[in-house]
């Protein structure tokens, strides 16, 4: 039964019980029956109060474990809070939805932070208390975010693979982002083969995301128009990115 229905039923029963008590008092003074009705009234009052409290109980939360690094030790007794990025007026403003205790994580790194019944309107971040360091970005409008694995220092392996449809010739050159040397490009001479181009191990993820794309692979042939392929670099696994040459 929904809260509104329970409140309506409780209100009706309380009114009916009061009416019977009033009638009995003025007709036959049935003390025993009056006492029974008073007990019923007390129970209904408890039910009525309980219905009202349920409306404000948080039903959404973020939970998971916080670790130092991939395969590292759990981060114990660290405070966490949920921060909402509010771009409604064209700027990013602080909007703290919920704050955990000063020791949000337990001895295993586990945390659980309730943040109310309303869906947030903008992207969320889980941050460490005492600063603005975010450990993971979370999308808006999620009711429950459960069983996360988050890290103070997030890394992964990125495997870049070529899927060659047109091999081109030795007069052609592929320019592609080199994640082994961030900020630099790798030049690859044709003709091209379908194979692993390179692997970037222990790539540092500045801000992991729960589900959205957070990394872009850029490449071009012969310095023509650049093509970008977005992918989600997930911590602690091999993330394969396939580049089509056609």
Protein backbone atom coordinates (compact mmCIF):
# COMPACT_ATOMS: atom_id res chain seq x y z
CA UNK A 1 0.00 0.00 0.00
CA UNK A 2 1.29 3.46 -0.93
CA UNK A 3 2.00 6.01 1.84
CA UNK A 4 -0.86 8.31 0.81
CA UNK A 5 -3.35 5.42 0.94
CA UNK A 6 -2.02 4.28 4.33
CA UNK A 7 -2.34 7.79 5.73
CA UNK A 8 -5.92 8.09 4.45
CA UNK A 9 -6.90 4.72 5.98
CA UNK A 10 -5.21 5.56 9.28
CA UNK A 11 -7.00 8.92 9.40
CA UNK A 12 -10.41 7.28 8.80
CA UNK A 13 -9.83 4.63 11.48
CA UNK A 14 -8.75 7.24 14.03
CA UNK A 15 -11.86 9.32 13.32
CA UNK A 16 -14.11 6.26 13.62
CA UNK A 17 -12.51 5.17 16.88
CA UNK A 18 -12.90 8.65 18.42
CA UNK A 19 -16.57 8.64 17.41
CA UNK A 20 -17.19 5.30 19.11
CA UNK A 21 -15.41 6.45 22.27
CA UNK A 22 -17.55 9.60 22.39
CA UNK A 23 -20.80 7.58 21.91
CA UNK A 24 -19.93 5.04 24.57
CA UNK A 25 -18.98 7.74 27.05
CA UNK A 26 -22.33 9.44 26.75
CA UNK A 27 -24.54 6.32 26.64
CA UNK A 28 -23.51 3.45 28.88
CA UNK A 29 -20.10 4.34 30.33
CA UNK A 30 -18.64 1.02 29.19
CA UNK A 31 -15.19 1.54 30.74
CA UNK A 32 -13.68 -1.69 29.46
CA UNK A 33 -14.74 -1.01 25.88
CA UNK A 34 -13.48 2.57 26.09
CA UNK A 35 -10.05 1.33 27.24
CA UNK A 36 -9.91 -1.08 24.29
CA UNK A 37 -10.75 1.71 21.90
CA UNK A 38 -8.08 3.95 23.43
CA UNK A 39 -5.49 1.23 22.85
CA UNK A 40 -6.64 0.96 19.25
CA UNK A 41 -6.35 4.73 18.91
CA UNK A 42 -2.77 4.65 20.21
CA UNK A 43 -1.79 1.98 17.69
CA UNK A 44 -3.36 3.95 14.85
CA UNK A 45 -1.46 7.08 15.90
CA UNK A 46 1.82 5.14 15.71
CA UNK A 47 0.85 3.90 12.23
CA UNK A 48 -0.08 7.41 11.14
CA UNK A 49 3.23 8.87 12.35
CA UNK A 50 5.18 6.06 10.67
CA UNK A 51 3.51 6.79 7.33
CA UNK A 52 4.63 10.39 7.47
CA UNK A 53 8.23 9.49 8.26
CA UNK A 54 8.55 7.12 5.32
CA UNK A 55 8.13 10.02 2.88
CA UNK A 56 11.50 11.52 3.83
CA UNK A 57 13.57 8.34 3.99
CA UNK A 58 16.40 8.43 1.38
CA UNK A 59 15.96 5.69 -1.21
CA UNK A 60 19.00 6.33 -3.42
CA UNK A 61 22.66 5.84 -2.60
CA UNK A 62 26.19 5.33 -3.89
CA UNK A 63 28.09 2.33 -2.54
CA UNK A 64 31.28 0.46 -3.30
CA UNK A 65 34.93 0.09 -2.28
CA UNK A 66 37.79 2.58 -2.46
CA UNK A 67 41.33 1.32 -3.16
CA UNK A 68 44.73 2.97 -3.48
CA UNK A 69 45.52 1.47 -6.91
CA UNK A 70 44.60 -1.53 -9.04
CA UNK A 71 45.31 -4.54 -6.85
CA UNK A 72 46.28 -2.17 -4.03
CA UNK A 73 45.24 -1.86 -0.41
CA UNK A 74 41.79 -0.55 0.60
CA UNK A 75 41.61 3.11 1.61
CA UNK A 76 40.45 3.10 5.22
CA UNK A 77 38.62 5.80 7.20
CA UNK A 78 38.46 8.40 4.45
CA UNK A 79 35.55 10.79 4.12
CA UNK A 80 33.66 11.00 0.83
CA UNK A 81 30.97 13.27 -0.57
CA UNK A 82 28.76 13.44 -3.67
CA UNK A 83 29.16 16.57 -5.76
CA UNK A 84 26.85 17.66 -8.57
CA UNK A 85 28.10 19.63 -11.55
CA UNK A 86 25.47 22.28 -12.18
CA UNK A 87 25.79 23.81 -15.66
CA UNK A 88 22.25 25.21 -15.83
CA UNK A 89 23.47 28.82 -15.86
CA UNK A 90 26.49 28.20 -18.05
CA UNK A 91 29.05 27.75 -15.28
CA UNK A 92 30.06 24.96 -12.94
CA UNK A 93 28.96 25.59 -9.36
CA UNK A 94 29.30 23.59 -6.18
CA UNK A 95 26.24 21.54 -5.37
CA UNK A 96 26.91 18.98 -2.66
CA UNK A 97 24.10 16.40 -2.64
CA UNK A 98 25.33 14.34 0.31
CA UNK A 99 28.30 14.06 2.62
CA UNK A 100 29.47 10.86 4.26
CA UNK A 101 30.87 10.70 7.77
CA UNK A 102 34.45 11.75 8.50
CA UNK A 103 35.33 8.06 8.11
CA UNK A 104 33.02 7.10 5.23
CA UNK A 105 35.13 4.05 4.32
CA UNK A 106 35.50 1.16 6.75
CA UNK A 107 38.46 -1.17 7.25
CA UNK A 108 37.80 -2.84 3.89
CA UNK A 109 37.37 0.44 2.00
CA UNK A 110 33.59 -0.04 1.80
CA UNK A 111 31.32 3.02 1.72
CA UNK A 112 27.61 3.73 1.30
CA UNK A 113 26.30 7.29 1.01
CA UNK A 114 22.52 7.94 0.79
CA UNK A 115 21.65 11.08 -1.17
CA UNK A 116 17.86 11.44 -1.04
CA UNK A 117 14.87 10.57 -3.14
CA UNK A 118 15.26 13.02 -6.05
CA UNK A 119 17.15 12.35 -9.26
CA UNK A 120 20.07 14.76 -9.71
CA UNK A 121 19.77 16.92 -12.80
CA UNK A 122 23.44 16.99 -13.75
CA UNK A 123 26.50 14.76 -13.71
CA UNK A 124 27.80 13.67 -10.31
CA UNK A 125 31.28 13.14 -8.93
CA UNK A 126 32.36 11.11 -5.94
CA UNK A 127 35.01 13.18 -4.17
CA UNK A 128 37.31 12.94 -1.17
CA UNK A 129 36.42 15.16 1.76
CA UNK A 130 38.78 18.00 2.49
CA UNK A 131 39.27 18.96 -1.15
CA UNK A 132 37.89 18.70 -4.66
CA UNK A 133 39.70 15.55 -5.78
CA UNK A 134 37.22 13.36 -7.69
CA UNK A 135 37.72 9.59 -7.82
CA UNK A 136 34.95 8.86 -10.36
CA UNK A 137 32.39 10.73 -12.49
CA UNK A 138 28.80 9.48 -12.31
CA UNK A 139 25.97 10.26 -14.73
CA UNK A 140 22.83 12.10 -13.64
CA UNK A 141 19.42 10.51 -13.10
CA UNK A 142 20.63 7.23 -11.60
CA UNK A 143 18.41 5.95 -8.81
CA UNK A 144 21.01 3.67 -7.23
CA UNK A 145 24.75 3.35 -7.95
CA UNK A 146 25.90 0.11 -6.37
CA UNK A 147 29.06 -1.99 -5.91
CA UNK A 148 31.55 0.47 -7.41
CA UNK A 149 35.27 -0.16 -7.43
CA UNK A 150 37.05 3.18 -7.34
CA UNK A 151 40.71 4.10 -6.96
CA UNK A 152 42.75 7.03 -5.72
CA UNK A 153 45.08 6.44 -8.68
CA UNK A 154 43.28 4.92 -11.68
CA UNK A 155 45.27 3.23 -14.43
CA UNK A 156 44.55 0.83 -17.27
CA UNK A 157 46.11 -0.71 -20.36
CA UNK A 158 45.06 0.62 -23.77
CA UNK A 159 45.51 -1.71 -26.74
CA UNK A 160 45.27 0.02 -30.14
CA UNK A 161 44.42 -2.30 -33.03
CA UNK A 162 44.16 -1.57 -36.76
CA UNK A 163 41.29 -3.05 -38.77
CA UNK A 164 42.54 -2.60 -42.33
CA UNK A 165 39.94 -2.53 -45.08
CA UNK A 166 42.14 -0.57 -47.51
CA UNK A 167 45.89 -1.11 -46.94
CA UNK A 168 46.90 1.95 -49.04
CA UNK A 169 50.55 2.19 -50.21
CA UNK A 170 54.01 3.12 -48.98
CA UNK A 171 53.22 6.70 -50.01
CA UNK A 172 50.58 6.98 -47.29
CA UNK A 173 51.09 7.77 -43.61
CA UNK A 174 48.81 7.26 -40.59
CA UNK A 175 49.05 9.85 -37.81
CA UNK A 176 47.53 8.56 -34.56
CA UNK A 177 47.52 9.46 -30.86
CA UNK A 178 50.26 7.69 -28.93
CA UNK A 179 48.99 6.92 -25.41
CA UNK A 180 52.46 5.73 -24.44
CA UNK A 181 53.56 9.37 -24.80
CA UNK A 182 50.54 11.55 -23.99
CA UNK A 183 50.32 14.64 -26.15
CA UNK A 184 52.32 13.10 -28.99
CA UNK A 185 51.36 11.36 -32.24
CA UNK A 186 52.73 8.19 -33.77
CA UNK A 187 53.51 8.12 -37.52
CA UNK A 188 52.93 4.80 -39.28
CA UNK A 189 53.92 4.27 -42.91
CA UNK A 190 51.73 2.27 -45.29
CA UNK A 191 50.81 -0.22 -46.51
CA UNK A 192 48.88 -1.08 -43.35
CA UNK A 193 48.17 -4.47 -41.77
CA UNK A 194 45.36 -5.61 -39.48
CA UNK A 195 47.17 -6.14 -36.19
CA UNK A 196 47.89 -4.61 -32.79
CA UNK A 197 49.61 -1.29 -33.41
CA UNK A 198 50.80 -0.75 -29.83
CA UNK A 199 49.88 -1.21 -26.16
CA UNK A 200 50.05 1.57 -23.60
CA UNK A 201 50.44 -0.04 -20.18
CA UNK A 202 49.57 1.70 -16.91
CA UNK A 203 47.91 4.59 -18.70
CA UNK A 204 46.86 7.20 -16.14
CA UNK A 205 43.11 7.92 -16.22
CA UNK A 206 42.59 11.45 -14.97
CA UNK A 207 38.90 10.94 -14.16
CA UNK A 208 37.25 7.54 -14.68
CA UNK A 209 33.55 7.51 -15.56
CA UNK A 210 30.81 5.11 -14.53
CA UNK A 211 29.38 4.62 -18.03
CA UNK A 212 30.05 7.52 -20.41
CA UNK A 213 32.92 7.94 -22.87
CA UNK A 214 35.85 9.78 -21.34
CA UNK A 215 38.74 9.28 -23.80
CA UNK A 216 39.18 10.17 -27.49
CA UNK A 217 41.46 8.46 -29.98
CA UNK A 218 42.37 10.86 -32.80
CA UNK A 219 43.90 9.84 -36.11
CA UNK A 220 44.17 10.92 -39.75
CA UNK A 221 45.56 9.68 -43.04
CA UNK A 222 48.11 11.91 -44.77
CA UNK A 223 47.18 14.81 -42.45
CA UNK A 224 43.70 14.96 -43.90
CA UNK A 225 40.62 15.62 -41.77
CA UNK A 226 41.07 14.11 -38.31
CA UNK A 227 38.78 11.32 -37.13
CA UNK A 228 37.98 10.84 -33.46
CA UNK A 229 36.84 7.65 -31.79
CA UNK A 230 35.48 7.93 -28.25
CA UNK A 231 35.75 5.11 -25.74
CA UNK A 232 35.46 4.54 -22.02
CA UNK A 233 38.85 3.82 -20.46
CA UNK A 234 37.88 1.54 -17.58
CA UNK A 235 40.38 1.15 -14.73
CA UNK A 236 42.40 -2.00 -14.15
CA UNK A 237 41.60 -3.81 -17.40
CA UNK A 238 42.82 -3.96 -21.02
CA UNK A 239 40.77 -1.51 -23.12
CA UNK A 240 40.97 -2.31 -26.83
CA UNK A 241 40.42 0.47 -29.34
CA UNK A 242 39.90 -0.60 -32.96
CA UNK A 243 40.79 1.92 -35.71
CA UNK A 244 39.30 1.27 -39.13
CA UNK A 245 41.55 2.04 -42.11
CA UNK A 246 39.32 2.31 -45.17
